[in-house]
């Protein structure tokens, strides 16, 4: 299953914090019923490629709808077709290799 990493940076707001924008994005992800993981600098979302692209577009547009004059959205997609890939499995493989 593809993984999408998304980071939204609102530009020109009155605050250096953007946790409220992250919260809004997570609400959109939850409404879609997609699995996700928040990291300190981005959010990873697991799902069908069409779902991922749709939610990324919504997250970007939502920032603008909520009054941001400029927003920079970075996305990265990891789509492996030779075998099933899930974010929890990816993390556990790395953790196991550390021991």
C-alpha atoms as a PDB file:
ATOM      1  CA  UNK A   1       0.000   0.000   0.000  1.00  0.00           C
ATOM      2  CA  UNK A   2       1.474   3.399  -0.911  1.00  0.00           C
ATOM      3  CA  UNK A   3       2.687   5.791   1.757  1.00  0.00           C
ATOM      4  CA  UNK A   4       2.490   9.554   1.389  1.00  0.00           C
ATOM      5  CA  UNK A   5       4.523  11.921   3.528  1.00  0.00           C
ATOM      6  CA  UNK A   6       3.071  15.430   3.666  1.00  0.00           C
ATOM      7  CA  UNK A   7       4.355  18.621   5.205  1.00  0.00           C
ATOM      8  CA  UNK A   8       2.403  21.869   4.987  1.00  0.00           C
ATOM      9  CA  UNK A   9       4.123  25.165   5.740  1.00  0.00           C
ATOM     10  CA  UNK A  10       1.870  28.220   6.028  1.00  0.00           C
ATOM     11  CA  UNK A  11       3.734  31.381   5.087  1.00  0.00           C
ATOM     12  CA  UNK A  12       3.044  34.887   6.347  1.00  0.00           C
ATOM     13  CA  UNK A  13       0.904  34.063   9.350  1.00  0.00           C
ATOM     14  CA  UNK A  14       0.947  35.998  12.610  1.00  0.00           C
ATOM     15  CA  UNK A  15       2.487  33.064  14.476  1.00  0.00           C
ATOM     16  CA  UNK A  16       5.554  30.863  14.067  1.00  0.00           C
ATOM     17  CA  UNK A  17       3.432  27.897  15.229  1.00  0.00           C
ATOM     18  CA  UNK A  18       1.433  25.823  12.795  1.00  0.00           C
ATOM     19  CA  UNK A  19       0.111  23.062  15.059  1.00  0.00           C
ATOM     20  CA  UNK A  20      -3.467  24.181  14.352  1.00  0.00           C
ATOM     21  CA  UNK A  21      -2.854  23.543  10.638  1.00  0.00           C
ATOM     22  CA  UNK A  22      -1.520  20.074  11.449  1.00  0.00           C
ATOM     23  CA  UNK A  23      -4.612  19.405  13.573  1.00  0.00           C
ATOM     24  CA  UNK A  24      -6.862  20.478  10.697  1.00  0.00           C
ATOM     25  CA  UNK A  25      -4.976  18.173   8.331  1.00  0.00           C
ATOM     26  CA  UNK A  26      -5.273  15.229  10.721  1.00  0.00           C
ATOM     27  CA  UNK A  27      -9.020  15.795  11.002  1.00  0.00           C
ATOM     28  CA  UNK A  28      -9.301  15.567   7.208  1.00  0.00           C
ATOM     29  CA  UNK A  29      -7.248  12.362   7.193  1.00  0.00           C
ATOM     30  CA  UNK A  30      -9.424  10.856   9.934  1.00  0.00           C
ATOM     31  CA  UNK A  31     -12.614  11.817   8.056  1.00  0.00           C
ATOM     32  CA  UNK A  32     -11.310   9.787   5.111  1.00  0.00           C
ATOM     33  CA  UNK A  33     -10.668   6.807   7.405  1.00  0.00           C
ATOM     34  CA  UNK A  34      -7.002   6.640   6.440  1.00  0.00           C
ATOM     35  CA  UNK A  35      -4.239   5.323   8.660  1.00  0.00           C
ATOM     36  CA  UNK A  36      -1.623   7.947   9.578  1.00  0.00           C
ATOM     37  CA  UNK A  37       1.346   8.702  11.774  1.00  0.00           C
ATOM     38  CA  UNK A  38       2.369  12.177  12.904  1.00  0.00           C
ATOM     39  CA  UNK A  39       6.098  12.904  13.084  1.00  0.00           C
ATOM     40  CA  UNK A  40       7.765  16.095  14.323  1.00  0.00           C
ATOM     41  CA  UNK A  41       8.143  17.445  10.780  1.00  0.00           C
ATOM     42  CA  UNK A  42       5.540  15.675   8.638  1.00  0.00           C
ATOM     43  CA  UNK A  43       2.591  13.311   8.610  1.00  0.00           C
ATOM     44  CA  UNK A  44       2.710   9.888   6.951  1.00  0.00           C
ATOM     45  CA  UNK A  45      -0.529   8.604   5.434  1.00  0.00           C
ATOM     46  CA  UNK A  46      -1.221   5.073   4.195  1.00  0.00           C
ATOM     47  CA  UNK A  47      -3.811   4.329   1.531  1.00  0.00           C
ATOM     48  CA  UNK A  48      -4.761   3.847  -2.073  1.00  0.00           C
ATOM     49  CA  UNK A  49      -2.850   6.226  -4.378  1.00  0.00           C
ATOM     50  CA  UNK A  50      -6.046   8.029  -5.414  1.00  0.00           C
ATOM     51  CA  UNK A  51      -7.091   8.494  -1.785  1.00  0.00           C
ATOM     52  CA  UNK A  52      -3.642   9.830  -0.949  1.00  0.00           C
ATOM     53  CA  UNK A  53      -3.623  12.335  -3.788  1.00  0.00           C
ATOM     54  CA  UNK A  54      -7.140  13.493  -2.944  1.00  0.00           C
ATOM     55  CA  UNK A  55      -6.392  14.005   0.757  1.00  0.00           C
ATOM     56  CA  UNK A  56      -3.101  15.795  -0.037  1.00  0.00           C
ATOM     57  CA  UNK A  57      -5.006  18.198  -2.281  1.00  0.00           C
ATOM     58  CA  UNK A  58      -7.640  18.755   0.413  1.00  0.00           C
ATOM     59  CA  UNK A  59      -5.012  19.390   3.087  1.00  0.00           C
ATOM     60  CA  UNK A  60      -3.297  21.962   0.858  1.00  0.00           C
ATOM     61  CA  UNK A  61      -6.534  23.705  -0.083  1.00  0.00           C
ATOM     62  CA  UNK A  62      -7.790  23.648   3.510  1.00  0.00           C
ATOM     63  CA  UNK A  63      -4.816  25.737   4.631  1.00  0.00           C
ATOM     64  CA  UNK A  64      -5.723  28.371   2.054  1.00  0.00           C
ATOM     65  CA  UNK A  65      -9.417  28.202   2.940  1.00  0.00           C
ATOM     66  CA  UNK A  66      -8.484  28.866   6.571  1.00  0.00           C
ATOM     67  CA  UNK A  67      -6.907  32.209   5.740  1.00  0.00           C
ATOM     68  CA  UNK A  68      -3.317  31.426   4.821  1.00  0.00           C
ATOM     69  CA  UNK A  69      -2.220  33.672   1.950  1.00  0.00           C
ATOM     70  CA  UNK A  70       0.592  31.368   0.894  1.00  0.00           C
ATOM     71  CA  UNK A  71       1.234  27.717   1.653  1.00  0.00           C
ATOM     72  CA  UNK A  72       4.092  25.420   0.724  1.00  0.00           C
ATOM     73  CA  UNK A  73       3.126  21.758   0.611  1.00  0.00           C
ATOM     74  CA  UNK A  74       5.770  19.077   0.241  1.00  0.00           C
ATOM     75  CA  UNK A  75       4.777  15.503  -0.514  1.00  0.00           C
ATOM     76  CA  UNK A  76       6.758  12.339  -0.999  1.00  0.00           C
ATOM     77  CA  UNK A  77       5.198   9.065  -2.163  1.00  0.00           C
ATOM     78  CA  UNK A  78       6.640   5.619  -1.515  1.00  0.00           C
ATOM     79  CA  UNK A  79       4.769   3.122  -3.682  1.00  0.00           C
ATOM     80  CA  UNK A  80       6.162  -0.400  -3.747  1.00  0.00           C
ATOM     81  CA  UNK A  81       4.522  -2.750  -6.239  1.00  0.00           C
ATOM     82  CA  UNK A  82       6.523  -5.960  -5.760  1.00  0.00           C
ATOM     83  CA  UNK A  83       5.063  -6.645  -2.305  1.00  0.00           C
ATOM     84  CA  UNK A  84       2.625  -5.249   0.234  1.00  0.00           C
ATOM     85  CA  UNK A  85       3.995  -2.392   2.313  1.00  0.00           C
ATOM     86  CA  UNK A  86       2.466  -0.973   5.495  1.00  0.00           C
ATOM     87  CA  UNK A  87       3.908   1.803   7.606  1.00  0.00           C
ATOM     88  CA  UNK A  88       3.839  -0.187  10.865  1.00  0.00           C
ATOM     89  CA  UNK A  89       5.718  -3.020   9.207  1.00  0.00           C
ATOM     90  CA  UNK A  90       8.306  -0.626   7.764  1.00  0.00           C
ATOM     91  CA  UNK A  91       8.988   0.812  11.218  1.00  0.00           C
ATOM     92  CA  UNK A  92       9.160  -2.588  12.911  1.00  0.00           C
ATOM     93  CA  UNK A  93      11.664  -3.899  10.330  1.00  0.00           C
ATOM     94  CA  UNK A  94      14.019  -1.034  11.124  1.00  0.00           C
ATOM     95  CA  UNK A  95      13.522  -1.403  14.866  1.00  0.00           C
ATOM     96  CA  UNK A  96      14.301  -5.138  14.666  1.00  0.00           C
ATOM     97  CA  UNK A  97      17.489  -4.478  12.741  1.00  0.00           C
ATOM     98  CA  UNK A  98      18.692  -2.207  15.579  1.00  0.00           C
ATOM     99  CA  UNK A  99      18.720  -5.102  18.073  1.00  0.00           C
END
